[in-house]
Amino acid sequence: MGTVISQAVNSAARDSLITRRYLHNREYSDIYKENGDLSYISPRGELAGPIKYIINGRITKTYMILAIPELPVAFAMVPDFTVKVIDERSSGVRTPSLKLGGTFYFRLSKSVSNYKYATLKFTHHSNGQDGEALDSTGRINTRDGNFSTNYLTIGYNSGTKTSAVNAVSYSFNHYAGFEWHKWFHYEKALTHDYGFTRIIYDFSLRRYVKKKENWRSDIGLNYAVNAMQNYGALAIKKRLNIEGSFNYSFPFMNNVFLMAAVGYYGEDPYNIYYRNKYSYLRLGVSSGL
């Protein structure tokens, strides 16, 4: 009799363990998507920048292709499109920024409230143009010059979710990454002039009311560490990109925020415009889609 009871207890314990693992893996899929970048629409674009825009928009979304709750590994396709409409007679876009890639996620912890996971991303970045990247004078051709590069990014994500008090909870989220381009094809005009190797760090603090995200405060920076022909390792004005943002959602909004961001580009990430260096203010509406 005792043996039967013992076997039943062991079986129940195994079933309980399997159920917990299943639920943890399913909840991690939500964490992966929530930690993705926000999309946005910004009238007038980057205020104070060198180019005047009518409107800027970014659309990005995490499509979970492989998200089996029984597995600690997941995979997603992550398209990321940015368009800036220039304030000129034709209101031209000229060179949209198109990023297509995929991300592998590797869960490193069983805990959801103190989550940990690693990522491996492959990204193709181009602007859809086929003109020469340099014009006849040797300057960057920002009208129809080709821009293309491919890169890997390895990253480590960790975060803490607090327990709800009066239906209010918070999460603290960290991301550290390393970006590498040189193993893959890229536009040769970028050689010795572009941030091919970057160290990345992002932090966000988020507030939830009845499990709905009420606001999100982000700060992110990346720094180019590869050799560049005209810039030393401490050339901060060229190598550093940094941005701080605040996104607020009113109770009647569904996963949509009012957005304000301030930052500095040592290297404008908008494809062929990478030589632009400027501080900016961006106002608009953002969404996690």
C-alpha atoms as a PDB file:
ATOM      1  CA  MET A   1       0.000   0.000   0.000  1.00  0.00           C
ATOM      2  CA  GLY A   2       2.813   2.361   0.935  1.00  0.00           C
ATOM      3  CA  THR A   3       4.526   1.731  -2.409  1.00  0.00           C
ATOM      4  CA  VAL A   4       1.373   2.635  -4.335  1.00  0.00           C
ATOM      5  CA  ILE A   5       0.958   5.877  -2.385  1.00  0.00           C
ATOM      6  CA  SER A   6       4.620   6.754  -2.922  1.00  0.00           C
ATOM      7  CA  GLN A   7       4.331   6.184  -6.673  1.00  0.00           C
ATOM      8  CA  ALA A   8       1.187   8.309  -6.811  1.00  0.00           C
ATOM      9  CA  VAL A   9       2.927  11.146  -4.926  1.00  0.00           C
ATOM     10  CA  ASN A  10       5.977  10.966  -7.218  1.00  0.00           C
ATOM     11  CA  SER A  11       3.755  10.976 -10.309  1.00  0.00           C
ATOM     12  CA  ALA A  12       1.814  14.006  -9.030  1.00  0.00           C
ATOM     13  CA  ALA A  13       5.097  15.814  -8.297  1.00  0.00           C
ATOM     14  CA  ARG A  14       6.372  15.126 -11.828  1.00  0.00           C
ATOM     15  CA  ASP A  15       3.099  16.319 -13.340  1.00  0.00           C
ATOM     16  CA  SER A  16       3.262  19.479 -11.241  1.00  0.00           C
ATOM     17  CA  LEU A  17       6.861  20.146 -12.357  1.00  0.00           C
ATOM     18  CA  ILE A  18       5.933  19.664 -16.018  1.00  0.00           C
ATOM     19  CA  THR A  19       2.964  22.027 -15.612  1.00  0.00           C
ATOM     20  CA  ARG A  20       5.153  24.711 -14.015  1.00  0.00           C
ATOM     21  CA  ARG A  21       7.740  24.453 -16.793  1.00  0.00           C
ATOM     22  CA  TYR A  22       4.980  24.674 -19.398  1.00  0.00           C
ATOM     23  CA  LEU A  23       3.531  27.830 -17.833  1.00  0.00           C
ATOM     24  CA  HIS A  24       6.978  29.429 -17.409  1.00  0.00           C
ATOM     25  CA  ASN A  25       7.873  28.884 -21.054  1.00  0.00           C
ATOM     26  CA  ARG A  26       4.514  30.278 -22.183  1.00  0.00           C
ATOM     27  CA  GLU A  27       4.959  33.370 -19.989  1.00  0.00           C
ATOM     28  CA  TYR A  28       8.471  33.875 -21.345  1.00  0.00           C
ATOM     29  CA  SER A  29       7.021  34.241 -24.845  1.00  0.00           C
ATOM     30  CA  ASP A  30       5.056  37.238 -23.548  1.00  0.00           C
ATOM     31  CA  ILE A  31       8.234  38.664 -21.980  1.00  0.00           C
ATOM     32  CA  TYR A  32      10.105  38.338 -25.302  1.00  0.00           C
ATOM     33  CA  LYS A  33       7.426  40.324 -27.114  1.00  0.00           C
ATOM     34  CA  GLU A  34       7.075  42.913 -24.361  1.00  0.00           C
ATOM     35  CA  ASN A  35      10.821  43.581 -24.414  1.00  0.00           C
ATOM     36  CA  GLY A  36      10.759  44.346 -28.132  1.00  0.00           C
ATOM     37  CA  ASP A  37      11.179  47.931 -29.308  1.00  0.00           C
ATOM     38  CA  LEU A  38       8.118  50.155 -29.598  1.00  0.00           C
ATOM     39  CA  SER A  39       6.762  51.372 -32.907  1.00  0.00           C
ATOM     40  CA  TYR A  40       5.987  55.084 -33.235  1.00  0.00           C
ATOM     41  CA  ILE A  41       4.615  57.928 -35.338  1.00  0.00           C
ATOM     42  CA  SER A  42       6.279  61.312 -34.848  1.00  0.00           C
ATOM     43  CA  PRO A  43       5.079  64.520 -36.551  1.00  0.00           C
ATOM     44  CA  ARG A  44       8.077  66.650 -37.577  1.00  0.00           C
ATOM     45  CA  GLY A  45      10.411  63.788 -36.717  1.00  0.00           C
ATOM     46  CA  GLU A  46      13.703  64.497 -34.958  1.00  0.00           C
ATOM     47  CA  LEU A  47      13.379  68.131 -33.986  1.00  0.00           C
ATOM     48  CA  ALA A  48      16.675  70.079 -34.022  1.00  0.00           C
ATOM     49  CA  GLY A  49      18.217  67.598 -36.475  1.00  0.00           C
ATOM     50  CA  PRO A  50      20.035  68.650 -39.680  1.00  0.00           C
ATOM     51  CA  ILE A  51      17.155  67.555 -41.954  1.00  0.00           C
ATOM     52  CA  LYS A  52      13.589  68.820 -41.623  1.00  0.00           C
ATOM     53  CA  TYR A  53      10.897  66.164 -41.795  1.00  0.00           C
ATOM     54  CA  ILE A  54       7.111  66.259 -42.143  1.00  0.00           C
ATOM     55  CA  ILE A  55       6.610  63.022 -40.258  1.00  0.00           C
ATOM     56  CA  ASN A  56       8.642  59.995 -39.167  1.00  0.00           C
ATOM     57  CA  GLY A  57       7.323  56.520 -38.559  1.00  0.00           C
ATOM     58  CA  ARG A  58       8.725  53.240 -37.301  1.00  0.00           C
ATOM     59  CA  ILE A  59       6.908  49.896 -37.465  1.00  0.00           C
ATOM     60  CA  THR A  60       8.390  46.870 -35.725  1.00  0.00           C
ATOM     61  CA  LYS A  61       6.806  43.713 -34.381  1.00  0.00           C
ATOM     62  CA  THR A  62       7.901  40.380 -32.913  1.00  0.00           C
ATOM     63  CA  TYR A  63       6.283  37.430 -34.724  1.00  0.00           C
ATOM     64  CA  MET A  64       6.755  34.322 -32.575  1.00  0.00           C
ATOM     65  CA  ILE A  65       7.260  31.559 -35.155  1.00  0.00           C
ATOM     66  CA  LEU A  66       8.471  28.925 -32.708  1.00  0.00           C
ATOM     67  CA  ALA A  67       7.030  29.263 -29.200  1.00  0.00           C
ATOM     68  CA  ILE A  68       6.280  25.754 -27.944  1.00  0.00           C
ATOM     69  CA  PRO A  69       5.670  26.029 -24.188  1.00  0.00           C
ATOM     70  CA  GLU A  70       7.467  22.728 -23.545  1.00  0.00           C
ATOM     71  CA  LEU A  71      10.757  24.082 -24.983  1.00  0.00           C
ATOM     72  CA  PRO A  72      13.188  26.591 -23.424  1.00  0.00           C
ATOM     73  CA  VAL A  73      14.117  27.823 -26.931  1.00  0.00           C
ATOM     74  CA  ALA A  74      11.982  30.112 -29.113  1.00  0.00           C
ATOM     75  CA  PHE A  75      12.345  31.845 -32.469  1.00  0.00           C
ATOM     76  CA  ALA A  76      10.759  35.001 -33.893  1.00  0.00           C
ATOM     77  CA  MET A  77      10.831  36.995 -37.122  1.00  0.00           C
ATOM     78  CA  VAL A  78      11.338  40.705 -36.408  1.00  0.00           C
ATOM     79  CA  PRO A  79      10.690  43.184 -39.249  1.00  0.00           C
ATOM     80  CA  ASP A  80      11.672  46.778 -38.467  1.00  0.00           C
ATOM     81  CA  PHE A  81      10.812  49.542 -40.968  1.00  0.00           C
ATOM     82  CA  THR A  82      11.529  53.256 -40.502  1.00  0.00           C
ATOM     83  CA  VAL A  83      10.373  55.959 -42.922  1.00  0.00           C
ATOM     84  CA  LYS A  84      11.150  59.691 -42.755  1.00  0.00           C
ATOM     85  CA  VAL A  85       9.198  62.050 -45.027  1.00  0.00           C
ATOM     86  CA  ILE A  86      11.447  64.987 -45.915  1.00  0.00           C
ATOM     87  CA  ASP A  87       9.977  68.494 -45.722  1.00  0.00           C
ATOM     88  CA  GLU A  88      10.507  69.530 -49.323  1.00  0.00           C
ATOM     89  CA  ARG A  89       8.463  70.173 -52.440  1.00  0.00           C
ATOM     90  CA  SER A  90       7.973  66.506 -53.346  1.00  0.00           C
ATOM     91  CA  SER A  91       7.688  65.335 -49.709  1.00  0.00           C
ATOM     92  CA  GLY A  92      10.050  62.531 -50.621  1.00  0.00           C
ATOM     93  CA  VAL A  93      11.106  59.571 -48.517  1.00  0.00           C
ATOM     94  CA  ARG A  94      14.176  58.884 -50.686  1.00  0.00           C
ATOM     95  CA  THR A  95      15.784  56.106 -48.637  1.00  0.00           C
ATOM     96  CA  PRO A  96      13.547  54.173 -46.221  1.00  0.00           C
ATOM     97  CA  SER A  97      15.330  52.067 -43.617  1.00  0.00           C
ATOM     98  CA  LEU A  98      14.406  48.400 -43.913  1.00  0.00           C
ATOM     99  CA  LYS A  99      15.504  45.793 -41.374  1.00  0.00           C
ATOM    100  CA  LEU A 100      14.539  42.148 -41.670  1.00  0.00           C
ATOM    101  CA  GLY A 101      15.777  39.389 -39.429  1.00  0.00           C
ATOM    102  CA  GLY A 102      15.168  36.695 -36.905  1.00  0.00           C
ATOM    103  CA  THR A 103      15.851  36.185 -33.218  1.00  0.00           C
ATOM    104  CA  PHE A 104      16.528  33.026 -31.225  1.00  0.00           C
ATOM    105  CA  TYR A 105      15.623  33.162 -27.525  1.00  0.00           C
ATOM    106  CA  PHE A 106      17.229  30.912 -24.914  1.00  0.00           C
ATOM    107  CA  ARG A 107      15.538  30.841 -21.501  1.00  0.00           C
ATOM    108  CA  LEU A 108      18.132  30.781 -18.694  1.00  0.00           C
ATOM    109  CA  SER A 109      15.889  30.788 -15.621  1.00  0.00           C
ATOM    110  CA  LYS A 110      12.707  29.100 -14.422  1.00  0.00           C
ATOM    111  CA  SER A 111      11.617  32.274 -12.682  1.00  0.00           C
ATOM    112  CA  VAL A 112       9.235  34.701 -14.373  1.00  0.00           C
ATOM    113  CA  SER A 113       9.390  37.399 -11.711  1.00  0.00           C
ATOM    114  CA  ASN A 114      13.210  37.360 -12.002  1.00  0.00           C
ATOM    115  CA  TYR A 115      13.610  36.393 -15.633  1.00  0.00           C
ATOM    116  CA  LYS A 116      16.847  35.756 -17.535  1.00  0.00           C
ATOM    117  CA  TYR A 117      17.328  34.824 -21.173  1.00  0.00           C
ATOM    118  CA  ALA A 118      19.847  35.168 -24.004  1.00  0.00           C
ATOM    119  CA  THR A 119      19.236  36.168 -27.622  1.00  0.00           C
ATOM    120  CA  LEU A 120      20.955  35.636 -30.942  1.00  0.00           C
ATOM    121  CA  LYS A 121      19.768  37.886 -33.773  1.00  0.00           C
ATOM    122  CA  PHE A 122      20.566  38.079 -37.468  1.00  0.00           C
ATOM    123  CA  THR A 123      19.555  41.309 -39.242  1.00  0.00           C
ATOM    124  CA  HIS A 124      19.704  42.531 -42.830  1.00  0.00           C
ATOM    125  CA  HIS A 125      19.632  46.340 -43.056  1.00  0.00           C
ATOM    126  CA  SER A 126      19.232  48.182 -46.352  1.00  0.00           C
ATOM    127  CA  ASN A 127      17.544  51.195 -47.903  1.00  0.00           C
ATOM    128  CA  GLY A 128      16.178  49.761 -51.163  1.00  0.00           C
ATOM    129  CA  GLN A 129      18.361  51.982 -53.370  1.00  0.00           C
ATOM    130  CA  ASP A 130      20.791  50.892 -56.085  1.00  0.00           C
ATOM    131  CA  GLY A 131      22.705  54.104 -56.864  1.00  0.00           C
ATOM    132  CA  GLU A 132      26.406  54.468 -56.123  1.00  0.00           C
ATOM    133  CA  ALA A 133      27.030  55.049 -52.410  1.00  0.00           C
ATOM    134  CA  LEU A 134      29.567  57.793 -53.237  1.00  0.00           C
ATOM    135  CA  ASP A 135      28.923  60.576 -55.739  1.00  0.00           C
ATOM    136  CA  SER A 136      31.456  61.907 -58.264  1.00  0.00           C
ATOM    137  CA  THR A 137      33.075  64.110 -55.601  1.00  0.00           C
ATOM    138  CA  GLY A 138      33.540  61.265 -53.137  1.00  0.00           C
ATOM    139  CA  ARG A 139      30.728  62.384 -50.861  1.00  0.00           C
ATOM    140  CA  ILE A 140      28.018  60.083 -49.513  1.00  0.00           C
ATOM    141  CA  ASN A 141      25.059  59.937 -51.923  1.00  0.00           C
ATOM    142  CA  THR A 142      22.029  60.412 -49.682  1.00  0.00           C
ATOM    143  CA  ARG A 143      19.593  60.793 -52.582  1.00  0.00           C
ATOM    144  CA  ASP A 144      19.690  57.270 -54.046  1.00  0.00           C
ATOM    145  CA  GLY A 145      22.954  55.781 -52.799  1.00  0.00           C
ATOM    146  CA  ASN A 146      22.990  52.106 -51.871  1.00  0.00           C
ATOM    147  CA  PHE A 147      23.218  51.168 -48.203  1.00  0.00           C
ATOM    148  CA  SER A 148      23.339  47.567 -47.063  1.00  0.00           C
ATOM    149  CA  THR A 149      24.824  45.594 -44.217  1.00  0.00           C
ATOM    150  CA  ASN A 150      24.152  42.345 -42.362  1.00  0.00           C
ATOM    151  CA  TYR A 151      24.978  41.635 -38.758  1.00  0.00           C
ATOM    152  CA  LEU A 152      24.689  39.387 -35.735  1.00  0.00           C
ATOM    153  CA  THR A 153      23.757  40.577 -32.264  1.00  0.00           C
ATOM    154  CA  ILE A 154      24.202  38.472 -29.151  1.00  0.00           C
ATOM    155  CA  GLY A 155      22.424  39.699 -26.031  1.00  0.00           C
ATOM    156  CA  TYR A 156      21.591  39.002 -22.411  1.00  0.00           C
ATOM    157  CA  ASN A 157      18.270  40.060 -20.901  1.00  0.00           C
ATOM    158  CA  SER A 158      17.316  40.139 -17.231  1.00  0.00           C
ATOM    159  CA  GLY A 159      14.520  41.724 -15.259  1.00  0.00           C
ATOM    160  CA  THR A 160      12.550  41.843 -12.051  1.00  0.00           C
ATOM    161  CA  LYS A 161       8.774  42.058 -11.806  1.00  0.00           C
ATOM    162  CA  THR A 162       7.393  43.271  -8.474  1.00  0.00           C
ATOM    163  CA  SER A 163       4.271  41.927  -6.808  1.00  0.00           C
ATOM    164  CA  ALA A 164       1.150  44.044  -7.232  1.00  0.00           C
ATOM    165  CA  VAL A 165       0.235  46.433  -4.411  1.00  0.00           C
ATOM    166  CA  ASN A 166      -3.221  47.990  -4.789  1.00  0.00           C
ATOM    167  CA  ALA A 167      -3.218  46.633  -8.378  1.00  0.00           C
ATOM    168  CA  VAL A 168       0.033  48.517  -9.169  1.00  0.00           C
ATOM    169  CA  SER A 169       3.273  46.715 -10.059  1.00  0.00           C
ATOM    170  CA  TYR A 170       6.622  47.553 -11.678  1.00  0.00           C
ATOM    171  CA  SER A 171       9.283  45.852 -13.734  1.00  0.00           C
ATOM    172  CA  PHE A 172      12.999  46.625 -14.056  1.00  0.00           C
ATOM    173  CA  ASN A 173      14.478  45.430 -17.341  1.00  0.00           C
ATOM    174  CA  HIS A 174      18.096  45.233 -18.548  1.00  0.00           C
ATOM    175  CA  TYR A 175      19.626  44.337 -21.889  1.00  0.00           C
ATOM    176  CA  ALA A 176      23.327  44.101 -22.791  1.00  0.00           C
ATOM    177  CA  GLY A 177      24.404  43.216 -26.311  1.00  0.00           C
ATOM    178  CA  PHE A 178      27.259  42.975 -28.779  1.00  0.00           C
ATOM    179  CA  GLU A 179      26.718  43.752 -32.490  1.00  0.00           C
ATOM    180  CA  TRP A 180      29.042  42.453 -35.232  1.00  0.00           C
ATOM    181  CA  HIS A 181      28.885  43.126 -39.010  1.00  0.00           C
ATOM    182  CA  LYS A 182      32.175  42.120 -40.597  1.00  0.00           C
ATOM    183  CA  TRP A 183      31.414  38.420 -41.219  1.00  0.00           C
ATOM    184  CA  PHE A 184      28.755  39.302 -43.782  1.00  0.00           C
ATOM    185  CA  HIS A 185      28.237  41.325 -46.954  1.00  0.00           C
ATOM    186  CA  TYR A 186      28.118  45.121 -46.621  1.00  0.00           C
ATOM    187  CA  GLU A 187      28.395  48.200 -48.836  1.00  0.00           C
ATOM    188  CA  LYS A 188      32.149  48.726 -49.329  1.00  0.00           C
ATOM    189  CA  ALA A 189      31.849  52.506 -49.061  1.00  0.00           C
ATOM    190  CA  LEU A 190      31.259  51.967 -45.325  1.00  0.00           C
ATOM    191  CA  THR A 191      34.732  50.483 -44.798  1.00  0.00           C
ATOM    192  CA  HIS A 192      36.735  52.345 -42.109  1.00  0.00           C
ATOM    193  CA  ASP A 193      33.868  54.827 -41.762  1.00  0.00           C
ATOM    194  CA  TYR A 194      31.021  52.982 -40.033  1.00  0.00           C
ATOM    195  CA  GLY A 195      30.273  51.486 -36.610  1.00  0.00           C
ATOM    196  CA  PHE A 196      30.531  47.806 -37.541  1.00  0.00           C
ATOM    197  CA  THR A 197      31.095  46.610 -33.958  1.00  0.00           C
ATOM    198  CA  ARG A 198      28.933  48.046 -31.182  1.00  0.00           C
ATOM    199  CA  ILE A 199      28.469  47.472 -27.470  1.00  0.00           C
ATOM    200  CA  ILE A 200      24.831  47.985 -26.426  1.00  0.00           C
ATOM    201  CA  TYR A 201      23.060  48.590 -23.120  1.00  0.00           C
ATOM    202  CA  ASP A 202      19.367  49.357 -22.509  1.00  0.00           C
ATOM    203  CA  PHE A 203      17.373  49.826 -19.317  1.00  0.00           C
ATOM    204  CA  SER A 204      13.656  50.323 -18.830  1.00  0.00           C
ATOM    205  CA  LEU A 205      11.376  50.886 -15.858  1.00  0.00           C
ATOM    206  CA  ARG A 206       7.704  50.064 -16.427  1.00  0.00           C
ATOM    207  CA  ARG A 207       4.593  50.646 -14.338  1.00  0.00           C
ATOM    208  CA  TYR A 208       1.471  48.490 -14.575  1.00  0.00           C
ATOM    209  CA  VAL A 209      -2.044  49.176 -13.291  1.00  0.00           C
ATOM    210  CA  LYS A 210      -4.291  46.099 -13.214  1.00  0.00           C
ATOM    211  CA  LYS A 211      -1.707  44.375 -15.456  1.00  0.00           C
ATOM    212  CA  LYS A 212      -2.009  47.114 -18.113  1.00  0.00           C
ATOM    213  CA  GLU A 213       1.240  48.967 -18.836  1.00  0.00           C
ATOM    214  CA  ASN A 214       0.684  52.510 -17.590  1.00  0.00           C
ATOM    215  CA  TRP A 215       4.033  54.031 -18.476  1.00  0.00           C
ATOM    216  CA  ARG A 216       7.510  53.079 -19.622  1.00  0.00           C
ATOM    217  CA  SER A 217      10.767  54.952 -19.121  1.00  0.00           C
ATOM    218  CA  ASP A 218      13.704  53.834 -21.287  1.00  0.00           C
ATOM    219  CA  ILE A 219      17.327  54.745 -21.648  1.00  0.00           C
ATOM    220  CA  GLY A 220      19.541  53.103 -24.236  1.00  0.00           C
ATOM    221  CA  LEU A 221      23.038  53.616 -25.540  1.00  0.00           C
ATOM    222  CA  ASN A 222      25.460  51.955 -27.895  1.00  0.00           C
ATOM    223  CA  TYR A 223      29.101  52.654 -28.665  1.00  0.00           C
ATOM    224  CA  ALA A 224      31.144  51.735 -31.744  1.00  0.00           C
ATOM    225  CA  VAL A 225      34.431  50.061 -30.787  1.00  0.00           C
ATOM    226  CA  ASN A 226      35.842  49.083 -34.209  1.00  0.00           C
ATOM    227  CA  ALA A 227      38.714  50.944 -35.861  1.00  0.00           C
ATOM    228  CA  MET A 228      37.703  53.948 -37.994  1.00  0.00           C
ATOM    229  CA  GLN A 229      40.007  55.858 -40.286  1.00  0.00           C
ATOM    230  CA  ASN A 230      39.369  59.355 -38.925  1.00  0.00           C
ATOM    231  CA  TYR A 231      38.185  58.628 -35.386  1.00  0.00           C
ATOM    232  CA  GLY A 232      40.047  57.350 -32.339  1.00  0.00           C
ATOM    233  CA  ALA A 233      38.600  55.009 -29.743  1.00  0.00           C
ATOM    234  CA  LEU A 234      37.466  57.955 -27.583  1.00  0.00           C
ATOM    235  CA  ALA A 235      35.801  59.959 -30.374  1.00  0.00           C
ATOM    236  CA  ILE A 236      32.512  60.111 -28.483  1.00  0.00           C
ATOM    237  CA  LYS A 237      30.864  62.542 -30.909  1.00  0.00           C
ATOM    238  CA  LYS A 238      31.142  59.930 -33.663  1.00  0.00           C
ATOM    239  CA  ARG A 239      30.885  56.642 -31.774  1.00  0.00           C
ATOM    240  CA  LEU A 240      28.140  57.224 -29.193  1.00  0.00           C
ATOM    241  CA  ASN A 241      24.384  56.922 -29.756  1.00  0.00           C
ATOM    242  CA  ILE A 242      22.169  57.543 -26.736  1.00  0.00           C
ATOM    243  CA  GLU A 243      18.430  58.048 -26.184  1.00  0.00           C
ATOM    244  CA  GLY A 244      16.099  58.486 -23.242  1.00  0.00           C
ATOM    245  CA  SER A 245      12.332  58.232 -23.669  1.00  0.00           C
ATOM    246  CA  PHE A 246       9.116  58.305 -21.683  1.00  0.00           C
ATOM    247  CA  ASN A 247       5.900  56.673 -22.889  1.00  0.00           C
ATOM    248  CA  TYR A 248       2.591  57.248 -21.072  1.00  0.00           C
ATOM    249  CA  SER A 249      -0.682  55.398 -21.661  1.00  0.00           C
ATOM    250  CA  PHE A 250      -4.010  56.775 -20.439  1.00  0.00           C
ATOM    251  CA  PRO A 251      -6.556  54.230 -19.117  1.00  0.00           C
ATOM    252  CA  PHE A 252      -8.658  54.494 -22.290  1.00  0.00           C
ATOM    253  CA  MET A 253      -5.652  53.625 -24.526  1.00  0.00           C
ATOM    254  CA  ASN A 254      -5.051  50.018 -25.607  1.00  0.00           C
ATOM    255  CA  ASN A 255      -1.293  49.366 -25.735  1.00  0.00           C
ATOM    256  CA  VAL A 256      -0.706  52.889 -27.078  1.00  0.00           C
ATOM    257  CA  PHE A 257       1.391  55.634 -25.469  1.00  0.00           C
ATOM    258  CA  LEU A 258       2.133  59.311 -25.784  1.00  0.00           C
ATOM    259  CA  MET A 259       5.874  59.456 -26.443  1.00  0.00           C
ATOM    260  CA  ALA A 260       8.677  61.929 -25.757  1.00  0.00           C
ATOM    261  CA  ALA A 261      12.305  61.072 -26.524  1.00  0.00           C
ATOM    262  CA  VAL A 262      15.554  63.022 -26.400  1.00  0.00           C
ATOM    263  CA  GLY A 263      18.865  61.749 -27.651  1.00  0.00           C
ATOM    264  CA  TYR A 264      22.076  62.107 -29.609  1.00  0.00           C
ATOM    265  CA  TYR A 265      23.271  60.311 -32.729  1.00  0.00           C
ATOM    266  CA  GLY A 266      27.014  60.165 -33.290  1.00  0.00           C
ATOM    267  CA  GLU A 267      26.069  57.951 -36.209  1.00  0.00           C
ATOM    268  CA  ASP A 268      22.536  58.337 -37.535  1.00  0.00           C
ATOM    269  CA  PRO A 269      21.106  54.763 -37.733  1.00  0.00           C
ATOM    270  CA  TYR A 270      18.891  55.774 -40.659  1.00  0.00           C
ATOM    271  CA  ASN A 271      20.962  53.888 -43.317  1.00  0.00           C
ATOM    272  CA  ILE A 272      22.919  56.062 -45.799  1.00  0.00           C
ATOM    273  CA  TYR A 273      22.575  59.114 -43.533  1.00  0.00           C
ATOM    274  CA  TYR A 274      25.004  57.503 -41.069  1.00  0.00           C
ATOM    275  CA  ARG A 275      27.504  60.405 -41.226  1.00  0.00           C
ATOM    276  CA  ASN A 276      25.009  62.795 -39.635  1.00  0.00           C
ATOM    277  CA  LYS A 277      25.740  63.680 -35.987  1.00  0.00           C
ATOM    278  CA  TYR A 278      23.117  65.575 -34.004  1.00  0.00           C
ATOM    279  CA  SER A 279      21.020  65.943 -30.877  1.00  0.00           C
ATOM    280  CA  TYR A 280      17.251  65.615 -31.239  1.00  0.00           C
ATOM    281  CA  LEU A 281      13.824  65.706 -29.617  1.00  0.00           C
ATOM    282  CA  ARG A 282      11.090  63.347 -30.823  1.00  0.00           C
ATOM    283  CA  LEU A 283       7.410  63.684 -29.882  1.00  0.00           C
ATOM    284  CA  GLY A 284       4.550  61.483 -30.958  1.00  0.00           C
ATOM    285  CA  VAL A 285       2.601  58.296 -30.327  1.00  0.00           C
ATOM    286  CA  SER A 286       4.138  54.865 -29.690  1.00  0.00           C
ATOM    287  CA  SER A 287       2.804  51.339 -29.470  1.00  0.00           C
ATOM    288  CA  GLY A 288       3.911  47.818 -28.650  1.00  0.00           C
ATOM    289  CA  LEU A 289       1.649  46.527 -31.461  1.00  0.00           C
END
